[in-house]
């Protein structure tokens, strides 16, 4: 898939997941309410807008949570650190990118997910939740804990970075994998795994 030049992107981290998402979302055609926890510039967001939320006659709801400050890992990556110094470049790029979809009701919640998610009304509202925020195991589990309360039955939950490791600190607490595994252990009777790789996906039973 090639993104239009009208969008403003500086990274392509999501692109390797597109073939997987194309297969997975064939079984999830009735998605109207989405929660994305961690969006960066919106590369996954735009894929969803173009491929899943593409009926202009409908009014979709899309909640996004992000600090728009990048992660600690990103801020130390070559080329990224200087960009993060520019005022609001991530947030500005994201807002520009979603501006092409007026039929989608975007609700942007700027801040840390662990502070924002507890303010949400506890109801099974979302058809799809995507967790791609902190790389810390405890943060990932907290995001998942709230997500499981907000996801509809038969809804789709995807975690990014299950296969990611911090090259500078290999302790399990510095990877999302441990947090996801704990979530899967606690809620294994409520969620069915549907794929496992660099990302992992579940259906809520």
C-alpha atoms as a PDB file:
ATOM      1  CA  UNK A   1       0.000   0.000   0.000  1.00  0.00           C
ATOM      2  CA  UNK A   2       1.233   3.483  -0.867  1.00  0.00           C
ATOM      3  CA  UNK A   3       0.076   6.448   1.182  1.00  0.00           C
ATOM      4  CA  UNK A   4      -0.906   9.624  -0.645  1.00  0.00           C
ATOM      5  CA  UNK A   5       1.639  12.425  -0.655  1.00  0.00           C
ATOM      6  CA  UNK A   6      -1.001  14.676   0.908  1.00  0.00           C
ATOM      7  CA  UNK A   7      -0.277  13.053   4.284  1.00  0.00           C
ATOM      8  CA  UNK A   8       2.574  14.110   6.562  1.00  0.00           C
ATOM      9  CA  UNK A   9       4.562  11.126   7.818  1.00  0.00           C
ATOM     10  CA  UNK A  10       8.150  10.765   8.942  1.00  0.00           C
ATOM     11  CA  UNK A  11       8.116   7.080   9.976  1.00  0.00           C
ATOM     12  CA  UNK A  12       6.901   3.808   8.431  1.00  0.00           C
ATOM     13  CA  UNK A  13       6.787   1.595  11.513  1.00  0.00           C
ATOM     14  CA  UNK A  14       3.247   0.375  10.831  1.00  0.00           C
ATOM     15  CA  UNK A  15       3.689  -0.611   7.199  1.00  0.00           C
ATOM     16  CA  UNK A  16       4.970  -4.113   7.890  1.00  0.00           C
ATOM     17  CA  UNK A  17       1.667  -4.922   9.608  1.00  0.00           C
ATOM     18  CA  UNK A  18      -0.537  -4.001   6.652  1.00  0.00           C
ATOM     19  CA  UNK A  19      -0.690  -7.495   5.046  1.00  0.00           C
ATOM     20  CA  UNK A  20      -1.712  -8.977   8.406  1.00  0.00           C
ATOM     21  CA  UNK A  21      -4.368  -6.314   9.001  1.00  0.00           C
ATOM     22  CA  UNK A  22      -5.748  -6.802   5.498  1.00  0.00           C
ATOM     23  CA  UNK A  23      -6.382 -10.473   6.339  1.00  0.00           C
ATOM     24  CA  UNK A  24      -7.671  -9.897   9.879  1.00  0.00           C
ATOM     25  CA  UNK A  25     -10.123  -7.136   9.008  1.00  0.00           C
ATOM     26  CA  UNK A  26     -11.803  -9.232   6.333  1.00  0.00           C
ATOM     27  CA  UNK A  27     -13.636 -10.833   9.282  1.00  0.00           C
ATOM     28  CA  UNK A  28     -14.444  -7.488  10.965  1.00  0.00           C
ATOM     29  CA  UNK A  29     -16.425  -5.503   8.441  1.00  0.00           C
ATOM     30  CA  UNK A  30     -18.869  -3.875  10.891  1.00  0.00           C
ATOM     31  CA  UNK A  31     -16.531  -1.547  12.734  1.00  0.00           C
ATOM     32  CA  UNK A  32     -17.924   1.860  13.607  1.00  0.00           C
ATOM     33  CA  UNK A  33     -16.380   2.708  16.988  1.00  0.00           C
ATOM     34  CA  UNK A  34     -12.611   2.624  17.503  1.00  0.00           C
ATOM     35  CA  UNK A  35     -10.257   3.400  20.377  1.00  0.00           C
ATOM     36  CA  UNK A  36      -6.581   3.843  19.520  1.00  0.00           C
ATOM     37  CA  UNK A  37      -4.189   4.075  22.461  1.00  0.00           C
ATOM     38  CA  UNK A  38      -1.011   5.561  21.037  1.00  0.00           C
ATOM     39  CA  UNK A  39      -1.220   6.933  17.503  1.00  0.00           C
ATOM     40  CA  UNK A  40       2.017   8.868  16.774  1.00  0.00           C
ATOM     41  CA  UNK A  41       1.457  10.561  13.378  1.00  0.00           C
ATOM     42  CA  UNK A  42      -1.504   8.330  12.532  1.00  0.00           C
ATOM     43  CA  UNK A  43      -0.157   5.857  10.006  1.00  0.00           C
ATOM     44  CA  UNK A  44      -2.360   3.040  11.354  1.00  0.00           C
ATOM     45  CA  UNK A  45      -5.169   5.564  11.834  1.00  0.00           C
ATOM     46  CA  UNK A  46      -5.110   6.551   8.178  1.00  0.00           C
ATOM     47  CA  UNK A  47      -5.034   2.918   7.045  1.00  0.00           C
ATOM     48  CA  UNK A  48      -8.207   2.309   9.060  1.00  0.00           C
ATOM     49  CA  UNK A  49      -9.841   5.462   7.703  1.00  0.00           C
ATOM     50  CA  UNK A  50      -9.099   4.540   4.115  1.00  0.00           C
ATOM     51  CA  UNK A  51      -9.863   0.823   4.303  1.00  0.00           C
ATOM     52  CA  UNK A  52     -12.371   0.220   7.118  1.00  0.00           C
ATOM     53  CA  UNK A  53     -14.118   3.511   7.893  1.00  0.00           C
ATOM     54  CA  UNK A  54     -14.561   4.403   4.237  1.00  0.00           C
ATOM     55  CA  UNK A  55     -18.344   4.643   3.897  1.00  0.00           C
ATOM     56  CA  UNK A  56     -18.964   8.379   3.650  1.00  0.00           C
ATOM     57  CA  UNK A  57     -22.663   7.874   4.356  1.00  0.00           C
ATOM     58  CA  UNK A  58     -21.896   6.680   7.898  1.00  0.00           C
ATOM     59  CA  UNK A  59     -20.768   8.626  10.932  1.00  0.00           C
ATOM     60  CA  UNK A  60     -17.959   6.799  12.664  1.00  0.00           C
ATOM     61  CA  UNK A  61     -16.598   7.465  16.153  1.00  0.00           C
ATOM     62  CA  UNK A  62     -12.833   7.358  16.682  1.00  0.00           C
ATOM     63  CA  UNK A  63     -11.252   8.032  20.083  1.00  0.00           C
ATOM     64  CA  UNK A  64      -7.499   8.593  20.239  1.00  0.00           C
ATOM     65  CA  UNK A  65      -5.242   8.814  23.278  1.00  0.00           C
ATOM     66  CA  UNK A  66      -1.659  10.053  22.946  1.00  0.00           C
ATOM     67  CA  UNK A  67       0.764  12.411  24.657  1.00  0.00           C
ATOM     68  CA  UNK A  68       2.062  13.436  21.202  1.00  0.00           C
ATOM     69  CA  UNK A  69       5.482  13.622  22.788  1.00  0.00           C
ATOM     70  CA  UNK A  70       6.848  10.334  21.475  1.00  0.00           C
ATOM     71  CA  UNK A  71       8.059   7.520  23.704  1.00  0.00           C
ATOM     72  CA  UNK A  72      11.297   7.486  25.648  1.00  0.00           C
ATOM     73  CA  UNK A  73      12.597   4.917  23.179  1.00  0.00           C
ATOM     74  CA  UNK A  74      11.718   7.072  20.171  1.00  0.00           C
ATOM     75  CA  UNK A  75      13.279  10.178  21.667  1.00  0.00           C
ATOM     76  CA  UNK A  76      16.639   8.433  21.703  1.00  0.00           C
ATOM     77  CA  UNK A  77      16.460   7.075  18.171  1.00  0.00           C
ATOM     78  CA  UNK A  78      18.661   8.523  15.444  1.00  0.00           C
ATOM     79  CA  UNK A  79      16.840  11.223  13.516  1.00  0.00           C
ATOM     80  CA  UNK A  80      13.833  11.244  15.815  1.00  0.00           C
ATOM     81  CA  UNK A  81      15.309  13.173  18.726  1.00  0.00           C
ATOM     82  CA  UNK A  82      15.733  16.370  16.725  1.00  0.00           C
ATOM     83  CA  UNK A  83      12.188  16.164  15.351  1.00  0.00           C
ATOM     84  CA  UNK A  84      10.775  15.793  18.844  1.00  0.00           C
ATOM     85  CA  UNK A  85      12.362  19.110  19.739  1.00  0.00           C
ATOM     86  CA  UNK A  86      10.154  20.876  17.221  1.00  0.00           C
ATOM     87  CA  UNK A  87       6.983  22.234  18.781  1.00  0.00           C
ATOM     88  CA  UNK A  88       4.087  19.795  18.453  1.00  0.00           C
ATOM     89  CA  UNK A  89       5.329  18.261  15.197  1.00  0.00           C
ATOM     90  CA  UNK A  90       3.741  14.858  15.985  1.00  0.00           C
ATOM     91  CA  UNK A  91       0.401  16.350  16.988  1.00  0.00           C
ATOM     92  CA  UNK A  92       0.384  18.739  14.040  1.00  0.00           C
ATOM     93  CA  UNK A  93       1.113  15.928  11.588  1.00  0.00           C
ATOM     94  CA  UNK A  94      -1.618  13.769  13.110  1.00  0.00           C
ATOM     95  CA  UNK A  95      -4.209  16.543  12.958  1.00  0.00           C
ATOM     96  CA  UNK A  96      -3.275  17.283   9.360  1.00  0.00           C
ATOM     97  CA  UNK A  97      -3.574  13.625   8.374  1.00  0.00           C
ATOM     98  CA  UNK A  98      -7.020  13.055   9.874  1.00  0.00           C
ATOM     99  CA  UNK A  99      -8.367  16.317   8.435  1.00  0.00           C
ATOM    100  CA  UNK A 100      -9.161  14.512   5.173  1.00  0.00           C
ATOM    101  CA  UNK A 101     -11.932  12.453   6.815  1.00  0.00           C
ATOM    102  CA  UNK A 102     -14.786  14.782   7.832  1.00  0.00           C
ATOM    103  CA  UNK A 103     -17.234  11.865   8.072  1.00  0.00           C
ATOM    104  CA  UNK A 104     -15.271  10.466  11.034  1.00  0.00           C
ATOM    105  CA  UNK A 105     -15.870  11.936  14.481  1.00  0.00           C
ATOM    106  CA  UNK A 106     -12.407  12.107  16.025  1.00  0.00           C
ATOM    107  CA  UNK A 107     -12.151  12.680  19.771  1.00  0.00           C
ATOM    108  CA  UNK A 108      -8.535  13.376  20.679  1.00  0.00           C
ATOM    109  CA  UNK A 109      -7.515  12.926  24.307  1.00  0.00           C
ATOM    110  CA  UNK A 110      -4.048  14.371  24.849  1.00  0.00           C
ATOM    111  CA  UNK A 111      -2.189  12.906  27.779  1.00  0.00           C
ATOM    112  CA  UNK A 112      -1.155   9.631  29.385  1.00  0.00           C
ATOM    113  CA  UNK A 113      -3.505   6.715  28.852  1.00  0.00           C
ATOM    114  CA  UNK A 114      -3.204   5.607  32.475  1.00  0.00           C
ATOM    115  CA  UNK A 115      -4.690   8.958  33.501  1.00  0.00           C
ATOM    116  CA  UNK A 116      -7.262   9.312  30.722  1.00  0.00           C
ATOM    117  CA  UNK A 117      -8.718   5.784  30.510  1.00  0.00           C
ATOM    118  CA  UNK A 118     -10.068   5.805  34.105  1.00  0.00           C
ATOM    119  CA  UNK A 119     -12.176   8.846  33.148  1.00  0.00           C
ATOM    120  CA  UNK A 120     -14.029   6.930  30.410  1.00  0.00           C
ATOM    121  CA  UNK A 121     -17.509   5.654  31.145  1.00  0.00           C
ATOM    122  CA  UNK A 122     -17.288   1.917  31.704  1.00  0.00           C
ATOM    123  CA  UNK A 123     -19.345   0.456  28.856  1.00  0.00           C
ATOM    124  CA  UNK A 124     -18.750  -2.014  26.054  1.00  0.00           C
ATOM    125  CA  UNK A 125     -18.606   0.658  23.372  1.00  0.00           C
ATOM    126  CA  UNK A 126     -15.807  -0.130  20.930  1.00  0.00           C
ATOM    127  CA  UNK A 127     -15.694  -2.587  18.037  1.00  0.00           C
ATOM    128  CA  UNK A 128     -11.915  -2.346  17.807  1.00  0.00           C
ATOM    129  CA  UNK A 129      -9.207  -1.242  20.244  1.00  0.00           C
ATOM    130  CA  UNK A 130      -5.576  -0.859  19.206  1.00  0.00           C
ATOM    131  CA  UNK A 131      -2.905  -0.583  21.911  1.00  0.00           C
ATOM    132  CA  UNK A 132       0.376   0.934  20.738  1.00  0.00           C
ATOM    133  CA  UNK A 133       1.503   3.269  23.498  1.00  0.00           C
ATOM    134  CA  UNK A 134       4.094   2.658  26.194  1.00  0.00           C
ATOM    135  CA  UNK A 135       6.699  -0.076  25.754  1.00  0.00           C
ATOM    136  CA  UNK A 136       6.701  -0.803  29.493  1.00  0.00           C
ATOM    137  CA  UNK A 137       5.055  -4.037  30.628  1.00  0.00           C
ATOM    138  CA  UNK A 138       3.076  -2.494  33.481  1.00  0.00           C
ATOM    139  CA  UNK A 139       1.762   0.360  31.327  1.00  0.00           C
ATOM    140  CA  UNK A 140       0.722  -2.088  28.630  1.00  0.00           C
ATOM    141  CA  UNK A 141      -1.173  -4.223  31.120  1.00  0.00           C
ATOM    142  CA  UNK A 142      -2.978  -1.175  32.542  1.00  0.00           C
ATOM    143  CA  UNK A 143      -4.019  -0.122  29.025  1.00  0.00           C
ATOM    144  CA  UNK A 144      -5.261  -3.659  28.386  1.00  0.00           C
ATOM    145  CA  UNK A 145      -7.135  -3.792  31.691  1.00  0.00           C
ATOM    146  CA  UNK A 146      -9.218  -0.759  30.793  1.00  0.00           C
ATOM    147  CA  UNK A 147      -9.544  -1.855  27.164  1.00  0.00           C
ATOM    148  CA  UNK A 148     -11.184  -5.141  28.113  1.00  0.00           C
ATOM    149  CA  UNK A 149     -13.940  -3.243  29.927  1.00  0.00           C
ATOM    150  CA  UNK A 150     -14.575  -0.974  26.931  1.00  0.00           C
ATOM    151  CA  UNK A 151     -14.560  -3.540  24.113  1.00  0.00           C
ATOM    152  CA  UNK A 152     -17.796  -5.030  22.800  1.00  0.00           C
ATOM    153  CA  UNK A 153     -18.325  -8.779  22.738  1.00  0.00           C
ATOM    154  CA  UNK A 154     -16.922 -10.172  19.475  1.00  0.00           C
ATOM    155  CA  UNK A 155     -14.801  -7.025  19.298  1.00  0.00           C
ATOM    156  CA  UNK A 156     -11.190  -7.008  18.137  1.00  0.00           C
ATOM    157  CA  UNK A 157      -8.214  -6.130  20.356  1.00  0.00           C
ATOM    158  CA  UNK A 158      -4.734  -5.762  18.842  1.00  0.00           C
ATOM    159  CA  UNK A 159      -1.471  -5.072  20.672  1.00  0.00           C
ATOM    160  CA  UNK A 160       1.561  -3.707  18.877  1.00  0.00           C
ATOM    161  CA  UNK A 161       5.185  -4.420  19.834  1.00  0.00           C
ATOM    162  CA  UNK A 162       4.701  -7.873  21.374  1.00  0.00           C
ATOM    163  CA  UNK A 163       7.967  -8.821  19.702  1.00  0.00           C
ATOM    164  CA  UNK A 164       9.820  -5.634  20.633  1.00  0.00           C
ATOM    165  CA  UNK A 165      12.776  -5.707  23.030  1.00  0.00           C
ATOM    166  CA  UNK A 166      14.715  -2.808  24.465  1.00  0.00           C
ATOM    167  CA  UNK A 167      18.274  -3.402  23.214  1.00  0.00           C
ATOM    168  CA  UNK A 168      19.633  -1.421  26.168  1.00  0.00           C
ATOM    169  CA  UNK A 169      17.664  -3.230  28.875  1.00  0.00           C
ATOM    170  CA  UNK A 170      16.408  -6.764  28.260  1.00  0.00           C
ATOM    171  CA  UNK A 171      14.564  -7.057  31.575  1.00  0.00           C
ATOM    172  CA  UNK A 172      11.000  -8.293  30.821  1.00  0.00           C
ATOM    173  CA  UNK A 173       9.497  -5.228  32.476  1.00  0.00           C
ATOM    174  CA  UNK A 174      10.900  -3.115  29.620  1.00  0.00           C
ATOM    175  CA  UNK A 175       8.864  -4.872  26.946  1.00  0.00           C
ATOM    176  CA  UNK A 176       5.109  -4.960  26.262  1.00  0.00           C
ATOM    177  CA  UNK A 177       5.250  -8.759  26.003  1.00  0.00           C
ATOM    178  CA  UNK A 178       5.137  -9.432  29.743  1.00  0.00           C
ATOM    179  CA  UNK A 179       2.170  -7.096  30.230  1.00  0.00           C
ATOM    180  CA  UNK A 180       0.306  -8.741  27.346  1.00  0.00           C
ATOM    181  CA  UNK A 181       1.074 -12.235  28.642  1.00  0.00           C
ATOM    182  CA  UNK A 182      -0.242 -11.325  32.085  1.00  0.00           C
ATOM    183  CA  UNK A 183      -3.398  -9.910  30.516  1.00  0.00           C
ATOM    184  CA  UNK A 184      -3.851 -13.099  28.486  1.00  0.00           C
ATOM    185  CA  UNK A 185      -3.379 -15.255  31.585  1.00  0.00           C
ATOM    186  CA  UNK A 186      -5.922 -13.343  33.660  1.00  0.00           C
ATOM    187  CA  UNK A 187      -8.570 -12.956  30.948  1.00  0.00           C
ATOM    188  CA  UNK A 188      -8.048 -16.148  28.938  1.00  0.00           C
ATOM    189  CA  UNK A 189     -11.690 -17.134  29.467  1.00  0.00           C
ATOM    190  CA  UNK A 190     -12.912 -13.825  28.039  1.00  0.00           C
ATOM    191  CA  UNK A 191     -10.590 -13.465  25.042  1.00  0.00           C
ATOM    192  CA  UNK A 192      -9.621 -15.813  22.233  1.00  0.00           C
ATOM    193  CA  UNK A 193      -6.192 -15.332  20.602  1.00  0.00           C
ATOM    194  CA  UNK A 194      -6.443 -15.082  16.810  1.00  0.00           C
ATOM    195  CA  UNK A 195      -2.841 -14.359  15.824  1.00  0.00           C
ATOM    196  CA  UNK A 196       0.563 -14.084  17.437  1.00  0.00           C
ATOM    197  CA  UNK A 197       3.734 -12.516  16.075  1.00  0.00           C
ATOM    198  CA  UNK A 198       5.270  -9.079  16.373  1.00  0.00           C
ATOM    199  CA  UNK A 199       1.673  -8.038  17.027  1.00  0.00           C
ATOM    200  CA  UNK A 200      -0.953 -10.133  18.804  1.00  0.00           C
ATOM    201  CA  UNK A 201      -4.694 -10.072  18.388  1.00  0.00           C
ATOM    202  CA  UNK A 202      -7.690 -11.260  20.412  1.00  0.00           C
ATOM    203  CA  UNK A 203     -11.461 -11.532  20.014  1.00  0.00           C
ATOM    204  CA  UNK A 204     -13.606 -10.818  23.051  1.00  0.00           C
ATOM    205  CA  UNK A 205     -15.907 -13.772  23.727  1.00  0.00           C
END
